[in-house]
C-alpha atoms as a PDB file:
ATOM      1  CA  UNK A   1    -170.444 -25.708 119.468  1.00  0.00           C
ATOM      2  CA  UNK A   2    -169.690 -22.013 119.211  1.00  0.00           C
ATOM      3  CA  UNK A   3    -169.649 -21.576 122.980  1.00  0.00           C
ATOM      4  CA  UNK A   4    -167.332 -24.463 123.849  1.00  0.00           C
ATOM      5  CA  UNK A   5    -165.405 -25.216 120.646  1.00  0.00           C
ATOM      6  CA  UNK A   6    -161.858 -23.912 120.331  1.00  0.00           C
ATOM      7  CA  UNK A   7    -160.796 -26.092 117.437  1.00  0.00           C
ATOM      8  CA  UNK A   8    -162.684 -27.929 114.707  1.00  0.00           C
ATOM      9  CA  UNK A   9    -161.325 -31.054 113.061  1.00  0.00           C
ATOM     10  CA  UNK A  10    -162.838 -32.003 109.738  1.00  0.00           C
ATOM     11  CA  UNK A  11    -162.432 -35.179 107.683  1.00  0.00           C
ATOM     12  CA  UNK A  12    -162.037 -33.930 104.114  1.00  0.00           C
ATOM     13  CA  UNK A  13    -161.084 -36.232 101.241  1.00  0.00           C
ATOM     14  CA  UNK A  14    -159.656 -38.846 103.624  1.00  0.00           C
ATOM     15  CA  UNK A  15    -157.515 -36.246 105.471  1.00  0.00           C
ATOM     16  CA  UNK A  16    -158.094 -34.760 108.910  1.00  0.00           C
ATOM     17  CA  UNK A  17    -157.801 -30.963 108.823  1.00  0.00           C
ATOM     18  CA  UNK A  18    -157.634 -28.855 111.980  1.00  0.00           C
ATOM     19  CA  UNK A  19    -159.204 -25.388 112.151  1.00  0.00           C
ATOM     20  CA  UNK A  20    -158.596 -23.008 115.071  1.00  0.00           C
ATOM     21  CA  UNK A  21    -161.647 -21.282 116.540  1.00  0.00           C
ATOM     22  CA  UNK A  22    -165.327 -22.053 117.007  1.00  0.00           C
ATOM     23  CA  UNK A  23    -167.779 -23.415 114.461  1.00  0.00           C
ATOM     24  CA  UNK A  24    -168.574 -20.014 112.913  1.00  0.00           C
ATOM     25  CA  UNK A  25    -164.865 -19.373 112.347  1.00  0.00           C
ATOM     26  CA  UNK A  26    -164.537 -22.848 110.848  1.00  0.00           C
ATOM     27  CA  UNK A  27    -167.323 -22.102 108.355  1.00  0.00           C
ATOM     28  CA  UNK A  28    -165.701 -18.777 107.421  1.00  0.00           C
ATOM     29  CA  UNK A  29    -162.390 -20.551 106.828  1.00  0.00           C
ATOM     30  CA  UNK A  30    -164.124 -23.146 104.646  1.00  0.00           C
ATOM     31  CA  UNK A  31    -165.753 -20.413 102.552  1.00  0.00           C
ATOM     32  CA  UNK A  32    -162.405 -18.685 102.046  1.00  0.00           C
ATOM     33  CA  UNK A  33    -160.844 -21.824 100.602  1.00  0.00           C
ATOM     34  CA  UNK A  34    -161.447 -21.468  96.899  1.00  0.00           C
ATOM     35  CA  UNK A  35    -162.994 -24.452  95.127  1.00  0.00           C
ATOM     36  CA  UNK A  36    -161.154 -26.328  92.432  1.00  0.00           C
ATOM     37  CA  UNK A  37    -161.069 -24.221  89.273  1.00  0.00           C
ATOM     38  CA  UNK A  38    -163.711 -25.092  86.744  1.00  0.00           C
ATOM     39  CA  UNK A  39    -162.902 -25.447  83.095  1.00  0.00           C
ATOM     40  CA  UNK A  40    -163.375 -21.994  81.627  1.00  0.00           C
ATOM     41  CA  UNK A  41    -165.680 -21.586  78.642  1.00  0.00           C
ATOM     42  CA  UNK A  42    -162.860 -20.306  76.426  1.00  0.00           C
ATOM     43  CA  UNK A  43    -160.739 -23.303  77.294  1.00  0.00           C
ATOM     44  CA  UNK A  44    -163.722 -25.569  76.703  1.00  0.00           C
ATOM     45  CA  UNK A  45    -164.145 -24.149  73.203  1.00  0.00           C
ATOM     46  CA  UNK A  46    -160.420 -24.642  72.531  1.00  0.00           C
ATOM     47  CA  UNK A  47    -160.579 -28.307  73.479  1.00  0.00           C
ATOM     48  CA  UNK A  48    -163.652 -28.911  71.366  1.00  0.00           C
ATOM     49  CA  UNK A  49    -161.932 -27.326  68.328  1.00  0.00           C
ATOM     50  CA  UNK A  50    -158.938 -29.658  68.771  1.00  0.00           C
ATOM     51  CA  UNK A  51    -161.049 -32.769  68.396  1.00  0.00           C
ATOM     52  CA  UNK A  52    -161.151 -34.691  65.139  1.00  0.00           C
ATOM     53  CA  UNK A  53    -164.208 -36.434  63.741  1.00  0.00           C
ATOM     54  CA  UNK A  54    -166.053 -38.160  66.595  1.00  0.00           C
ATOM     55  CA  UNK A  55    -163.597 -37.042  69.260  1.00  0.00           C
ATOM     56  CA  UNK A  56    -165.028 -33.511  69.071  1.00  0.00           C
ATOM     57  CA  UNK A  57    -168.428 -34.797  70.163  1.00  0.00           C
ATOM     58  CA  UNK A  58    -166.833 -37.020  72.792  1.00  0.00           C
ATOM     59  CA  UNK A  59    -164.889 -34.035  74.179  1.00  0.00           C
ATOM     60  CA  UNK A  60    -168.094 -31.948  74.367  1.00  0.00           C
ATOM     61  CA  UNK A  61    -169.927 -34.805  76.051  1.00  0.00           C
ATOM     62  CA  UNK A  62    -167.128 -35.320  78.591  1.00  0.00           C
ATOM     63  CA  UNK A  63    -166.953 -31.593  79.366  1.00  0.00           C
ATOM     64  CA  UNK A  64    -170.703 -31.349  79.875  1.00  0.00           C
ATOM     65  CA  UNK A  65    -170.588 -34.366  82.209  1.00  0.00           C
ATOM     66  CA  UNK A  66    -167.645 -32.827  84.105  1.00  0.00           C
ATOM     67  CA  UNK A  67    -169.568 -29.596  84.658  1.00  0.00           C
ATOM     68  CA  UNK A  68    -172.659 -31.471  85.885  1.00  0.00           C
ATOM     69  CA  UNK A  69    -170.576 -33.583  88.273  1.00  0.00           C
ATOM     70  CA  UNK A  70    -168.728 -30.525  89.603  1.00  0.00           C
ATOM     71  CA  UNK A  71    -172.039 -28.781  90.269  1.00  0.00           C
ATOM     72  CA  UNK A  72    -173.498 -31.804  92.050  1.00  0.00           C
ATOM     73  CA  UNK A  73    -170.351 -32.198  94.194  1.00  0.00           C
ATOM     74  CA  UNK A  74    -170.464 -28.497  95.064  1.00  0.00           C
ATOM     75  CA  UNK A  75    -174.119 -28.854  96.083  1.00  0.00           C
ATOM     76  CA  UNK A  76    -173.291 -31.860  98.271  1.00  0.00           C
ATOM     77  CA  UNK A  77    -170.443 -29.916  99.902  1.00  0.00           C
ATOM     78  CA  UNK A  78    -172.883 -27.150 100.710  1.00  0.00           C
ATOM     79  CA  UNK A  79    -175.344 -29.578 102.271  1.00  0.00           C
ATOM     80  CA  UNK A  80    -172.575 -31.362 104.195  1.00  0.00           C
ATOM     81  CA  UNK A  81    -171.414 -28.076 105.708  1.00  0.00           C
ATOM     82  CA  UNK A  82    -174.843 -27.710 107.312  1.00  0.00           C
ATOM     83  CA  UNK A  83    -174.678 -28.176 111.058  1.00  0.00           C
ATOM     84  CA  UNK A  84    -178.026 -29.895 111.513  1.00  0.00           C
ATOM     85  CA  UNK A  85    -177.412 -33.268 109.840  1.00  0.00           C
ATOM     86  CA  UNK A  86    -177.690 -36.651 111.497  1.00  0.00           C
ATOM     87  CA  UNK A  87    -174.830 -39.151 111.201  1.00  0.00           C
ATOM     88  CA  UNK A  88    -176.721 -41.414 108.791  1.00  0.00           C
ATOM     89  CA  UNK A  89    -177.469 -38.482 106.481  1.00  0.00           C
ATOM     90  CA  UNK A  90    -173.824 -37.350 106.560  1.00  0.00           C
ATOM     91  CA  UNK A  91    -172.663 -40.876 105.758  1.00  0.00           C
ATOM     92  CA  UNK A  92    -175.109 -41.196 102.869  1.00  0.00           C
ATOM     93  CA  UNK A  93    -174.148 -37.809 101.395  1.00  0.00           C
ATOM     94  CA  UNK A  94    -170.420 -38.430 101.814  1.00  0.00           C
ATOM     95  CA  UNK A  95    -170.725 -41.819 100.080  1.00  0.00           C
ATOM     96  CA  UNK A  96    -172.540 -40.154  97.191  1.00  0.00           C
ATOM     97  CA  UNK A  97    -169.798 -37.514  97.001  1.00  0.00           C
ATOM     98  CA  UNK A  98    -167.171 -40.263  96.773  1.00  0.00           C
ATOM     99  CA  UNK A  99    -169.069 -41.915  93.908  1.00  0.00           C
ATOM    100  CA  UNK A 100    -169.362 -38.603  92.067  1.00  0.00           C
ATOM    101  CA  UNK A 101    -165.672 -37.845  92.602  1.00  0.00           C
ATOM    102  CA  UNK A 102    -164.684 -41.191  91.076  1.00  0.00           C
ATOM    103  CA  UNK A 103    -166.972 -40.533  88.121  1.00  0.00           C
ATOM    104  CA  UNK A 104    -165.528 -37.026  87.761  1.00  0.00           C
ATOM    105  CA  UNK A 105    -161.973 -38.407  87.750  1.00  0.00           C
ATOM    106  CA  UNK A 106    -162.897 -40.909  85.035  1.00  0.00           C
ATOM    107  CA  UNK A 107    -164.458 -38.179  82.884  1.00  0.00           C
ATOM    108  CA  UNK A 108    -161.447 -35.915  83.389  1.00  0.00           C
ATOM    109  CA  UNK A 109    -159.183 -38.703  82.151  1.00  0.00           C
ATOM    110  CA  UNK A 110    -161.368 -39.173  79.071  1.00  0.00           C
ATOM    111  CA  UNK A 111    -161.353 -35.439  78.435  1.00  0.00           C
ATOM    112  CA  UNK A 112    -157.565 -35.230  78.826  1.00  0.00           C
ATOM    113  CA  UNK A 113    -157.036 -38.152  76.461  1.00  0.00           C
ATOM    114  CA  UNK A 114    -159.157 -36.408  73.841  1.00  0.00           C
ATOM    115  CA  UNK A 115    -157.373 -33.043  74.251  1.00  0.00           C
END
């Protein structure tokens, strides 16, 4: 792909994105895009302090789940950026990423409701 590619088009979160250059340049561009910010530890502590009675434990539980989901999604993104995957493997991994993203969204809503 490096020898003949002049533009890479990637399907990312249901959107087609175009990247100028060969595959190596595409990967560099992807690395430069900063990932979604994680919830900082200080902010996490602040949210947990806000909780009352059982909501404090629920907030901690939701935050821990959010961190685990973010890590798993990041790992899947890393695997998906590999150039040596077969279509079936890409489809399977992308489907798993969609499931995790839905679960992450649900946990973020819970966390926000508690905060």
